[in-house]
N, C-alpha and C. Protein backbone atom coordinates (compact mmCIF):
# COMPACT_ATOMS: atom_id res chain seq x y z
N MET A 1 37.98 -10.97 3.71
CA MET A 1 37.87 -9.48 3.20
C MET A 1 36.56 -9.56 2.15
N LEU A 2 35.70 -8.59 2.44
CA LEU A 2 34.56 -8.53 1.60
C LEU A 2 34.80 -7.90 0.16
N ARG A 3 34.18 -8.51 -0.72
CA ARG A 3 34.35 -8.08 -2.15
C ARG A 3 33.23 -6.98 -2.46
N ARG A 4 33.66 -6.01 -3.16
CA ARG A 4 32.67 -5.13 -3.66
C ARG A 4 31.53 -5.75 -4.50
N GLN A 5 30.33 -5.48 -4.15
CA GLN A 5 29.22 -6.05 -4.94
C GLN A 5 28.72 -5.16 -6.02
N MET A 6 28.20 -5.86 -6.99
CA MET A 6 27.74 -5.10 -8.31
C MET A 6 26.46 -4.43 -7.84
N GLN A 7 26.17 -3.22 -8.26
CA GLN A 7 24.89 -2.41 -7.95
C GLN A 7 23.82 -3.08 -8.90
N LEU A 8 22.61 -3.25 -8.34
CA LEU A 8 21.48 -3.53 -9.00
C LEU A 8 21.15 -2.60 -10.16
N ASP A 9 20.71 -3.13 -11.27
CA ASP A 9 20.21 -2.18 -12.23
C ASP A 9 18.73 -2.11 -12.28
N PHE A 10 18.24 -0.95 -11.95
CA PHE A 10 16.77 -0.58 -11.92
C PHE A 10 16.19 -0.03 -13.22
N SER A 11 16.95 0.11 -14.30
CA SER A 11 16.48 0.73 -15.45
C SER A 11 15.29 0.15 -16.17
N GLY A 12 15.16 -1.16 -16.03
CA GLY A 12 14.10 -1.86 -16.54
C GLY A 12 12.74 -1.81 -15.95
N ILE A 13 12.79 -1.25 -14.64
CA ILE A 13 11.53 -1.15 -13.86
C ILE A 13 10.60 -0.06 -14.40
N LYS A 14 9.30 -0.53 -14.58
CA LYS A 14 8.37 0.46 -15.08
C LYS A 14 7.29 0.74 -13.86
N THR A 15 6.98 1.91 -13.64
CA THR A 15 6.05 2.29 -12.66
C THR A 15 4.74 2.86 -13.38
N TYR A 16 3.56 2.76 -12.67
CA TYR A 16 2.36 3.20 -13.13
C TYR A 16 1.68 4.21 -12.40
N SER A 17 0.84 5.10 -12.83
CA SER A 17 0.14 6.07 -12.03
C SER A 17 -1.05 5.29 -11.26
N ALA A 18 -0.96 5.47 -10.01
CA ALA A 18 -2.00 4.94 -9.15
C ALA A 18 -3.42 5.57 -9.51
N GLU A 19 -3.39 6.80 -9.99
CA GLU A 19 -4.73 7.41 -10.37
C GLU A 19 -5.39 6.71 -11.43
N ASP A 20 -4.70 5.77 -12.31
CA ASP A 20 -5.44 5.03 -13.27
C ASP A 20 -5.93 3.67 -12.73
N ARG A 21 -5.57 3.35 -11.59
CA ARG A 21 -5.98 2.13 -11.04
C ARG A 21 -7.26 1.99 -10.37
N HIS A 22 -7.97 0.77 -10.64
CA HIS A 22 -9.21 0.42 -9.98
C HIS A 22 -8.89 0.01 -8.49
N ASN A 23 -9.64 0.61 -7.57
CA ASN A 23 -9.38 0.25 -6.09
C ASN A 23 -10.56 -0.42 -5.64
N LEU A 24 -10.34 -1.47 -4.78
CA LEU A 24 -11.37 -2.25 -4.10
C LEU A 24 -12.05 -1.54 -2.93
N VAL A 25 -11.13 -0.74 -2.32
CA VAL A 25 -11.38 0.02 -1.08
C VAL A 25 -11.37 1.48 -1.49
N THR A 26 -12.44 2.12 -1.19
CA THR A 26 -12.57 3.65 -1.49
C THR A 26 -13.15 4.41 -0.28
N ILE A 27 -12.91 5.67 -0.23
CA ILE A 27 -13.36 6.57 0.82
C ILE A 27 -14.98 6.38 0.82
N ASP A 28 -15.56 6.17 -0.37
CA ASP A 28 -17.04 6.09 -0.45
C ASP A 28 -17.60 4.81 0.07
N ASN A 29 -16.79 3.73 0.23
CA ASN A 29 -17.19 2.47 0.78
C ASN A 29 -16.67 2.06 2.15
N MET A 30 -16.05 3.02 2.65
CA MET A 30 -15.53 2.89 4.05
C MET A 30 -16.66 2.79 5.16
N MET A 31 -16.43 2.05 6.28
CA MET A 31 -17.39 1.94 7.25
C MET A 31 -17.25 3.25 8.17
N THR A 32 -18.39 3.66 8.71
CA THR A 32 -18.26 4.82 9.61
C THR A 32 -18.97 4.51 11.02
N PRO A 33 -18.25 4.73 12.11
CA PRO A 33 -18.89 4.44 13.48
C PRO A 33 -20.24 5.11 13.50
N GLY A 34 -21.18 4.43 13.97
CA GLY A 34 -22.58 4.96 14.22
C GLY A 34 -23.34 5.26 13.03
N VAL A 35 -22.81 4.97 11.95
CA VAL A 35 -23.56 5.24 10.74
C VAL A 35 -23.68 3.98 9.83
N THR A 36 -22.59 3.29 9.50
CA THR A 36 -22.69 2.15 8.67
C THR A 36 -23.23 1.02 9.53
N PRO A 37 -24.32 0.25 8.92
CA PRO A 37 -24.96 -0.79 9.65
C PRO A 37 -24.02 -2.01 9.53
N HIS A 38 -23.86 -2.72 10.55
CA HIS A 38 -23.06 -4.11 10.45
C HIS A 38 -23.51 -5.09 11.47
N GLU A 39 -23.13 -6.22 11.27
CA GLU A 39 -23.65 -7.32 12.14
C GLU A 39 -22.94 -7.22 13.45
N GLU A 40 -23.59 -7.47 14.59
CA GLU A 40 -22.89 -7.52 15.91
C GLU A 40 -21.77 -8.51 15.68
N TYR A 41 -20.58 -8.01 16.33
CA TYR A 41 -19.31 -8.83 16.39
C TYR A 41 -19.45 -9.78 17.52
N LYS A 42 -19.65 -10.97 17.34
CA LYS A 42 -19.74 -12.00 18.46
C LYS A 42 -18.79 -13.04 18.32
N TYR A 43 -17.65 -12.85 18.94
CA TYR A 43 -16.61 -13.92 18.93
C TYR A 43 -16.23 -14.16 20.52
N GLU A 44 -15.85 -15.41 20.77
CA GLU A 44 -15.44 -15.78 21.98
C GLU A 44 -14.19 -14.99 22.46
N GLY A 45 -14.38 -14.20 23.57
CA GLY A 45 -13.22 -13.49 24.18
C GLY A 45 -13.37 -12.07 23.66
N PHE A 46 -14.12 -11.59 22.81
CA PHE A 46 -14.13 -10.22 22.23
C PHE A 46 -14.63 -9.29 23.27
N ASP A 47 -15.70 -9.66 23.88
CA ASP A 47 -16.25 -8.72 25.08
C ASP A 47 -15.32 -8.50 26.13
N GLU A 48 -14.69 -9.60 26.52
CA GLU A 48 -13.60 -9.41 27.50
C GLU A 48 -12.43 -8.62 27.06
N LEU A 49 -12.05 -8.76 25.81
CA LEU A 49 -10.98 -7.76 25.37
C LEU A 49 -11.47 -6.38 25.39
N VAL A 50 -12.58 -6.07 24.96
CA VAL A 50 -13.21 -4.71 25.05
C VAL A 50 -13.11 -4.21 26.50
N GLU A 51 -13.57 -5.03 27.53
CA GLU A 51 -13.65 -4.64 28.87
C GLU A 51 -12.27 -4.47 29.41
N ARG A 52 -11.23 -5.21 28.99
CA ARG A 52 -9.78 -5.04 29.52
C ARG A 52 -9.29 -3.74 28.97
N ILE A 53 -9.52 -3.42 27.75
CA ILE A 53 -9.05 -2.29 27.02
C ILE A 53 -9.58 -1.02 27.76
N VAL A 54 -10.87 -1.01 28.01
CA VAL A 54 -11.43 0.12 28.84
C VAL A 54 -10.93 0.12 30.10
N LYS A 55 -10.72 -0.96 30.85
CA LYS A 55 -10.25 -0.87 32.21
C LYS A 55 -8.76 -0.34 32.25
N ALA A 56 -8.12 -0.74 31.23
CA ALA A 56 -6.64 -0.36 31.16
C ALA A 56 -6.59 1.17 31.08
N ARG A 57 -7.33 1.63 30.10
CA ARG A 57 -7.37 3.17 30.00
C ARG A 57 -7.78 3.95 31.17
N LYS A 58 -8.93 3.40 31.79
CA LYS A 58 -9.46 4.02 32.99
C LYS A 58 -8.50 4.08 34.09
N ASN A 59 -7.52 3.03 34.10
CA ASN A 59 -6.48 3.06 35.10
C ASN A 59 -5.16 3.70 34.70
N GLY A 60 -5.28 4.40 33.54
CA GLY A 60 -4.10 5.30 33.02
C GLY A 60 -2.92 4.34 32.36
N HIS A 61 -3.33 3.19 31.92
CA HIS A 61 -2.44 2.39 31.22
C HIS A 61 -2.50 2.73 29.76
N PRO A 62 -1.38 2.55 29.05
CA PRO A 62 -1.29 2.67 27.56
C PRO A 62 -2.19 1.52 26.88
N VAL A 63 -2.63 1.85 25.68
CA VAL A 63 -3.14 0.81 24.79
C VAL A 63 -2.47 0.90 23.49
N ILE A 64 -1.58 -0.16 23.19
CA ILE A 64 -0.86 -0.26 21.91
C ILE A 64 -1.76 -0.94 20.93
N TRP A 65 -2.12 -0.51 19.92
CA TRP A 65 -2.98 -1.14 18.85
C TRP A 65 -2.08 -1.59 17.73
N SER A 66 -2.00 -2.93 17.82
CA SER A 66 -1.06 -3.53 16.76
C SER A 66 -2.02 -4.08 15.66
N MET A 67 -1.69 -3.81 14.44
CA MET A 67 -2.61 -4.35 13.32
C MET A 67 -1.86 -4.48 12.17
N GLY A 68 -2.57 -5.14 11.20
CA GLY A 68 -2.07 -5.42 9.88
C GLY A 68 -2.89 -4.65 8.83
N ALA A 69 -2.56 -4.68 7.54
CA ALA A 69 -3.20 -3.88 6.60
C ALA A 69 -4.76 -4.28 6.41
N HIS A 70 -5.14 -5.44 6.73
CA HIS A 70 -6.63 -5.91 6.52
C HIS A 70 -7.53 -4.94 7.28
N VAL A 71 -7.08 -4.26 8.38
CA VAL A 71 -7.87 -3.46 9.07
C VAL A 71 -8.36 -2.23 8.13
N VAL A 72 -7.27 -1.73 7.39
CA VAL A 72 -7.59 -0.66 6.23
C VAL A 72 -8.32 -1.33 5.14
N LYS A 73 -7.98 -2.46 4.67
CA LYS A 73 -8.48 -3.11 3.57
C LYS A 73 -9.93 -3.57 3.69
N ASN A 74 -10.27 -3.73 5.07
CA ASN A 74 -11.66 -4.17 5.30
C ASN A 74 -12.51 -2.92 5.72
N ARG A 75 -11.95 -1.80 5.37
CA ARG A 75 -12.68 -0.43 5.54
C ARG A 75 -13.04 -0.04 6.88
N LEU A 76 -11.95 -0.38 7.78
CA LEU A 76 -12.26 -0.03 9.22
C LEU A 76 -11.50 1.14 9.78
N SER A 77 -10.70 1.80 9.00
CA SER A 77 -9.82 2.97 9.29
C SER A 77 -10.62 4.01 10.27
N ARG A 78 -11.97 4.22 10.00
CA ARG A 78 -12.44 5.40 10.72
C ARG A 78 -12.87 4.92 12.16
N TYR A 79 -12.88 3.49 12.40
CA TYR A 79 -13.11 3.07 13.65
C TYR A 79 -11.81 3.22 14.47
N VAL A 80 -10.76 3.02 13.83
CA VAL A 80 -9.35 3.14 14.60
C VAL A 80 -9.30 4.68 14.87
N ILE A 81 -9.56 5.46 13.87
CA ILE A 81 -9.33 6.94 14.17
C ILE A 81 -10.16 7.42 15.27
N GLU A 82 -11.51 6.92 15.31
CA GLU A 82 -12.45 7.31 16.34
C GLU A 82 -11.83 6.92 17.74
N LEU A 83 -11.31 5.71 17.85
CA LEU A 83 -10.69 5.28 19.20
C LEU A 83 -9.36 6.11 19.49
N MET A 84 -8.77 6.60 18.48
CA MET A 84 -7.61 7.44 18.92
C MET A 84 -8.14 8.70 19.38
N LYS A 85 -9.18 9.38 18.75
CA LYS A 85 -9.73 10.55 19.04
C LYS A 85 -10.35 10.67 20.50
N MET A 86 -10.90 9.45 20.89
CA MET A 86 -11.56 9.22 22.11
C MET A 86 -10.49 8.93 23.16
N GLY A 87 -9.25 8.81 22.92
CA GLY A 87 -8.23 8.63 23.82
C GLY A 87 -8.08 7.21 24.23
N VAL A 88 -8.63 6.28 23.54
CA VAL A 88 -8.52 4.81 23.88
C VAL A 88 -7.14 4.28 23.39
N ILE A 89 -6.85 4.49 22.19
CA ILE A 89 -5.60 4.06 21.62
C ILE A 89 -4.47 5.12 21.96
N THR A 90 -3.45 4.67 22.46
CA THR A 90 -2.30 5.52 22.91
C THR A 90 -1.07 5.32 21.93
N HIS A 91 -1.01 4.29 21.13
CA HIS A 91 0.06 4.03 20.25
C HIS A 91 -0.48 3.09 19.05
N ILE A 92 -0.09 3.39 17.87
CA ILE A 92 -0.36 2.48 16.81
C ILE A 92 0.87 1.86 16.29
N ALA A 93 0.82 0.48 16.36
CA ALA A 93 1.87 -0.26 15.82
C ALA A 93 1.41 -1.25 14.59
N ALA A 94 1.92 -0.99 13.46
CA ALA A 94 1.44 -1.80 12.29
C ALA A 94 2.51 -2.23 11.43
N ASN A 95 2.32 -3.04 10.45
CA ASN A 95 3.30 -3.48 9.43
C ASN A 95 3.29 -2.43 8.36
N GLY A 96 4.29 -2.71 7.35
CA GLY A 96 4.44 -1.70 6.26
C GLY A 96 3.29 -1.65 5.41
N ALA A 97 2.70 -2.80 5.22
CA ALA A 97 1.59 -2.71 4.24
C ALA A 97 0.46 -1.85 4.68
N THR A 98 0.22 -1.81 6.06
CA THR A 98 -0.79 -0.89 6.61
C THR A 98 -0.51 0.64 6.23
N SER A 99 0.76 0.90 6.29
CA SER A 99 1.07 2.34 5.99
C SER A 99 0.93 2.60 4.46
N ILE A 100 1.14 1.66 3.62
CA ILE A 100 1.04 1.79 2.20
C ILE A 100 -0.44 2.05 1.96
N HIS A 101 -1.34 1.24 2.37
CA HIS A 101 -2.74 1.29 2.09
C HIS A 101 -3.37 2.61 2.70
N ASP A 102 -3.03 2.94 3.87
CA ASP A 102 -3.44 4.07 4.59
C ASP A 102 -2.88 5.41 3.84
N PHE A 103 -1.67 5.36 3.42
CA PHE A 103 -1.07 6.56 2.66
C PHE A 103 -1.86 6.66 1.31
N GLU A 104 -2.10 5.66 0.63
CA GLU A 104 -2.97 5.57 -0.56
C GLU A 104 -4.20 6.24 -0.40
N LEU A 105 -4.98 5.81 0.62
CA LEU A 105 -6.33 6.45 0.95
C LEU A 105 -6.23 7.83 1.13
N ALA A 106 -5.14 8.32 1.77
CA ALA A 106 -5.11 9.78 1.92
C ALA A 106 -4.94 10.48 0.68
N TYR A 107 -4.07 10.17 -0.27
CA TYR A 107 -3.98 10.90 -1.45
C TYR A 107 -4.84 10.46 -2.51
N LEU A 108 -5.29 9.24 -2.73
CA LEU A 108 -5.94 8.79 -3.80
C LEU A 108 -7.59 8.60 -3.54
N GLY A 109 -7.76 8.47 -2.21
CA GLY A 109 -9.21 8.20 -1.88
C GLY A 109 -9.66 6.72 -2.13
N GLY A 110 -8.53 5.88 -2.34
CA GLY A 110 -8.88 4.51 -2.67
C GLY A 110 -7.48 3.73 -2.43
N THR A 111 -7.70 2.42 -2.23
CA THR A 111 -6.45 1.52 -2.19
C THR A 111 -6.94 0.09 -2.39
N SER A 112 -6.07 -0.83 -2.51
CA SER A 112 -6.23 -2.19 -2.66
C SER A 112 -6.54 -2.56 -4.05
N GLU A 113 -5.49 -2.72 -4.95
CA GLU A 113 -5.69 -3.13 -6.27
C GLU A 113 -6.29 -4.58 -6.23
N ASP A 114 -6.72 -4.95 -7.46
CA ASP A 114 -7.16 -6.37 -7.90
C ASP A 114 -5.61 -7.11 -7.96
N VAL A 115 -5.48 -7.82 -7.04
CA VAL A 115 -4.17 -8.47 -7.08
C VAL A 115 -3.93 -9.49 -8.15
N PRO A 116 -4.84 -10.43 -8.46
CA PRO A 116 -4.59 -11.34 -9.67
C PRO A 116 -4.27 -10.58 -10.98
N THR A 117 -5.08 -9.50 -11.23
CA THR A 117 -4.83 -8.73 -12.43
C THR A 117 -3.58 -8.10 -12.41
N ALA A 118 -3.11 -7.40 -11.35
CA ALA A 118 -2.00 -6.63 -11.17
C ALA A 118 -0.77 -7.52 -11.32
N ILE A 119 -0.89 -8.79 -10.73
CA ILE A 119 0.28 -9.65 -10.94
C ILE A 119 0.36 -10.07 -12.40
N GLU A 120 -0.71 -10.34 -12.97
CA GLU A 120 -0.78 -10.83 -14.45
C GLU A 120 -0.14 -9.68 -15.28
N ASP A 121 -0.48 -8.40 -15.15
CA ASP A 121 -0.06 -7.39 -15.99
C ASP A 121 1.25 -6.69 -15.61
N GLY A 122 1.83 -7.09 -14.44
CA GLY A 122 3.08 -6.65 -13.99
C GLY A 122 2.98 -5.21 -13.16
N SER A 123 1.96 -4.83 -12.82
CA SER A 123 1.76 -3.55 -12.18
C SER A 123 1.63 -3.75 -10.63
N PHE A 124 1.60 -4.91 -10.04
CA PHE A 124 1.42 -5.20 -8.61
C PHE A 124 2.52 -4.41 -7.86
N GLY A 125 2.10 -3.46 -7.00
CA GLY A 125 2.98 -2.69 -6.18
C GLY A 125 3.98 -1.76 -6.89
N MET A 126 3.65 -1.47 -8.11
CA MET A 126 4.56 -0.54 -8.88
C MET A 126 3.90 0.79 -9.16
N TRP A 127 3.33 1.35 -8.10
CA TRP A 127 2.53 2.59 -8.32
C TRP A 127 3.48 3.75 -7.98
N GLU A 128 3.53 4.72 -9.00
CA GLU A 128 4.45 5.78 -8.94
C GLU A 128 4.37 6.68 -7.77
N GLN A 129 3.20 7.25 -7.59
CA GLN A 129 2.95 8.20 -6.48
C GLN A 129 3.20 7.52 -5.07
N THR A 130 2.75 6.38 -4.89
CA THR A 130 2.98 5.71 -3.57
C THR A 130 4.47 5.58 -3.27
N GLY A 131 5.13 5.05 -4.19
CA GLY A 131 6.53 4.76 -3.99
C GLY A 131 7.46 6.00 -3.96
N ALA A 132 7.17 6.87 -4.77
CA ALA A 132 7.96 8.23 -4.81
C ALA A 132 7.61 9.02 -3.56
N TRP A 133 6.35 9.23 -3.19
CA TRP A 133 6.09 10.14 -2.23
C TRP A 133 6.44 9.58 -0.88
N MET A 134 6.22 8.29 -0.67
CA MET A 134 6.65 7.72 0.70
C MET A 134 8.15 7.67 0.78
N ASN A 135 8.87 7.47 -0.33
CA ASN A 135 10.40 7.41 -0.15
C ASN A 135 10.86 8.74 0.03
N GLU A 136 10.31 9.80 -0.54
CA GLU A 136 10.50 11.23 -0.19
C GLU A 136 10.36 11.59 1.20
N ALA A 137 9.22 11.08 1.87
CA ALA A 137 8.92 11.42 3.01
C ALA A 137 9.91 10.53 4.09
N ILE A 138 10.14 9.48 3.82
CA ILE A 138 11.13 8.59 4.59
C ILE A 138 12.46 9.19 4.63
N GLN A 139 12.94 9.49 3.44
CA GLN A 139 14.34 10.12 3.33
C GLN A 139 14.39 11.40 4.21
N ARG A 140 13.40 12.26 3.98
CA ARG A 140 13.27 13.40 4.73
C ARG A 140 13.40 13.35 6.21
N GLY A 141 12.59 12.30 6.67
CA GLY A 141 12.51 11.91 8.00
C GLY A 141 13.89 11.34 8.56
N ALA A 142 14.54 10.54 7.77
CA ALA A 142 15.93 10.14 8.19
C ALA A 142 16.87 11.19 8.49
N LYS A 143 16.82 12.28 7.66
CA LYS A 143 17.56 13.46 7.80
C LYS A 143 17.27 14.12 9.02
N LEU A 144 16.04 14.26 9.35
CA LEU A 144 15.55 14.91 10.48
C LEU A 144 15.68 14.05 11.85
N ASN A 145 16.03 12.73 11.64
CA ASN A 145 16.07 11.78 12.74
C ASN A 145 14.66 11.49 13.39
N ILE A 146 13.77 11.43 12.59
CA ILE A 146 12.43 11.16 13.05
C ILE A 146 11.96 9.71 12.32
N GLY A 147 11.18 8.91 12.97
CA GLY A 147 10.80 7.67 12.50
C GLY A 147 9.90 7.68 11.29
N TYR A 148 9.67 6.39 10.78
CA TYR A 148 8.89 6.15 9.66
C TYR A 148 7.49 6.71 9.66
N GLY A 149 6.75 6.35 10.80
CA GLY A 149 5.37 6.79 10.95
C GLY A 149 5.33 8.25 11.01
N GLU A 150 6.05 8.84 11.85
CA GLU A 150 6.08 10.27 12.06
C GLU A 150 6.43 11.00 10.77
N ALA A 151 7.44 10.58 9.98
CA ALA A 151 7.76 11.19 8.78
C ALA A 151 6.69 11.19 7.80
N LEU A 152 5.95 10.01 7.56
CA LEU A 152 4.91 9.89 6.70
C LEU A 152 3.65 10.87 7.10
N GLY A 153 3.32 10.99 8.44
CA GLY A 153 2.30 11.78 8.97
C GLY A 153 2.62 13.27 8.67
N GLU A 154 3.99 13.67 8.95
CA GLU A 154 4.37 15.00 8.75
C GLU A 154 4.39 15.35 7.27
N TYR A 155 4.68 14.47 6.45
CA TYR A 155 4.69 14.71 5.02
C TYR A 155 3.30 15.00 4.57
N ILE A 156 2.34 14.11 4.87
CA ILE A 156 0.90 14.33 4.47
C ILE A 156 0.49 15.79 5.06
N ASP A 157 0.76 16.11 6.19
CA ASP A 157 0.46 17.30 6.76
C ASP A 157 1.08 18.47 6.03
N MET A 158 2.23 18.35 5.63
CA MET A 158 2.91 19.42 4.86
C MET A 158 2.44 19.60 3.37
N HIS A 159 1.71 18.58 2.97
CA HIS A 159 1.19 18.59 1.45
C HIS A 159 -0.22 18.27 1.41
N PRO A 160 -1.04 19.21 2.03
CA PRO A 160 -2.46 18.98 1.98
C PRO A 160 -3.05 18.93 0.55
N GLU A 161 -2.36 19.52 -0.28
CA GLU A 161 -3.06 19.54 -1.74
C GLU A 161 -2.72 18.15 -2.38
N LYS A 162 -1.90 17.38 -1.90
CA LYS A 162 -1.76 16.00 -2.47
C LYS A 162 -2.58 15.06 -1.74
N PHE A 163 -3.07 15.44 -0.54
CA PHE A 163 -3.74 14.37 0.30
C PHE A 163 -5.08 14.91 0.72
N PRO A 164 -6.04 14.98 -0.19
CA PRO A 164 -7.35 15.52 0.07
C PRO A 164 -8.20 14.71 1.06
N ASN A 165 -7.74 13.36 1.13
CA ASN A 165 -8.57 12.43 1.97
C ASN A 165 -7.85 12.14 3.40
N ARG A 166 -6.91 12.97 3.75
CA ARG A 166 -6.18 12.70 4.99
C ARG A 166 -7.04 12.59 6.29
N GLU A 167 -8.17 13.09 6.23
CA GLU A 167 -9.00 12.93 7.43
C GLU A 167 -9.34 11.40 7.70
N ASP A 168 -9.26 10.68 6.71
CA ASP A 168 -9.45 9.23 6.80
C ASP A 168 -8.13 8.36 6.92
N CYS A 169 -7.23 9.06 7.17
CA CYS A 169 -5.91 8.32 7.22
C CYS A 169 -5.40 8.17 8.68
N ILE A 170 -5.24 7.01 9.08
CA ILE A 170 -4.89 6.57 10.45
C ILE A 170 -3.51 7.39 10.81
N LEU A 171 -2.45 7.12 10.06
CA LEU A 171 -1.23 7.67 10.40
C LEU A 171 -1.21 9.22 10.49
N TRP A 172 -1.98 9.96 9.58
CA TRP A 172 -2.04 11.36 9.62
C TRP A 172 -2.75 11.75 11.00
N ASN A 173 -3.81 11.10 11.21
CA ASN A 173 -4.55 11.43 12.54
C ASN A 173 -3.80 11.09 13.64
N ALA A 174 -2.79 10.02 13.62
CA ALA A 174 -1.96 9.81 14.75
C ALA A 174 -0.94 11.05 14.97
N TYR A 175 -0.46 11.42 13.84
CA TYR A 175 0.45 12.55 13.83
C TYR A 175 -0.25 13.77 14.45
N LYS A 176 -1.45 14.19 13.98
CA LYS A 176 -2.12 15.20 14.43
C LYS A 176 -2.47 15.27 15.93
N LEU A 177 -2.80 13.98 16.38
CA LEU A 177 -3.13 13.73 17.84
C LEU A 177 -1.99 13.53 18.73
N ASP A 178 -0.80 13.55 18.05
CA ASP A 178 0.46 13.27 18.84
C ASP A 178 0.53 11.97 19.51
N ILE A 179 -0.06 10.96 18.82
CA ILE A 179 0.04 9.50 19.13
C ILE A 179 0.96 8.82 18.29
N PRO A 180 1.99 8.14 18.92
CA PRO A 180 3.14 7.47 18.27
C PRO A 180 2.40 6.49 17.26
N ALA A 181 3.02 6.41 16.11
CA ALA A 181 2.55 5.39 15.01
C ALA A 181 3.92 4.79 14.49
N THR A 182 4.10 3.54 14.92
CA THR A 182 5.33 2.88 14.44
C THR A 182 4.94 1.84 13.41
N TYR A 183 5.70 1.65 12.45
CA TYR A 183 5.46 0.73 11.30
C TYR A 183 6.81 -0.29 11.38
N HIS A 184 6.43 -1.56 11.37
CA HIS A 184 7.43 -2.48 11.53
C HIS A 184 7.63 -3.32 10.18
N ILE A 185 8.61 -2.85 9.49
CA ILE A 185 8.76 -3.24 8.13
C ILE A 185 9.48 -4.71 7.94
N ALA A 186 8.90 -5.46 7.04
CA ALA A 186 9.55 -6.81 6.85
C ALA A 186 9.70 -6.84 5.32
N LEU A 187 10.89 -7.17 4.86
CA LEU A 187 11.22 -7.28 3.41
C LEU A 187 10.40 -8.37 2.78
N GLY A 188 9.80 -8.19 1.81
CA GLY A 188 9.12 -9.18 0.82
C GLY A 188 7.61 -9.38 1.26
N THR A 189 7.16 -8.85 2.40
CA THR A 189 5.80 -8.91 2.73
C THR A 189 4.94 -7.83 2.83
N ASP A 190 5.58 -6.65 2.71
CA ASP A 190 4.71 -5.48 3.01
C ASP A 190 4.25 -4.76 1.70
N ILE A 191 3.32 -5.35 1.00
CA ILE A 191 2.62 -4.76 -0.07
C ILE A 191 1.26 -5.25 -0.18
C-alpha cells in the first residue's frame, strides 16, 4: 500500500525578473541568412547531409529537424525559421531548453544568462516571466488537449503585446506555419 507523501514546500523559492538580466544572446546579435558574414561550414559529411535533405523534400518526404538549445544559443534561429518558411523543415523536434531560450527571445529579445554568475547568486533558471508564462501556456494547452509546442506557440500568438520579438521565435513561426513543433522534456537537464 502506498503511503501519502508530504508535499514539497516552495515558500522559500525566490524568482527574479528576467528583464533585469544580462543576456549573452540578443535579437541584435543574431545571425541572419544572406546578411551575416560567416565562415563556410566545412565538415566531413555536411554537404552530403544537405543534399539528402534537399532530395528528401523534392521526393515529398518529411524533414524532422531535431535540435538542442545551442542552435538558439549560437544565434542561428533565423536560419531554422528560414528553412521552415522555404518548406524544407516539416517538423521541429527539440529539448525543453530550446523552448525556454526561444520563448525568452520572443518576449525579452534576449536569452542565455551568464551561468557561473547565476549559479553563484542563486538566480540560475529562476526567471519569473519565463516560468510563469510558460506554465500558464502549458496548463491552458493541457485543458485544450494540445501539446507543449503548440500551446506555447498559441500563447505567444494570443499575447503579441508580451512578445514583441516573436518574428525571431522558432516555435511561434512553426505555429504560424502549421508545422508541428514537439519538445521532448527531460527532468534536470532542460534549462
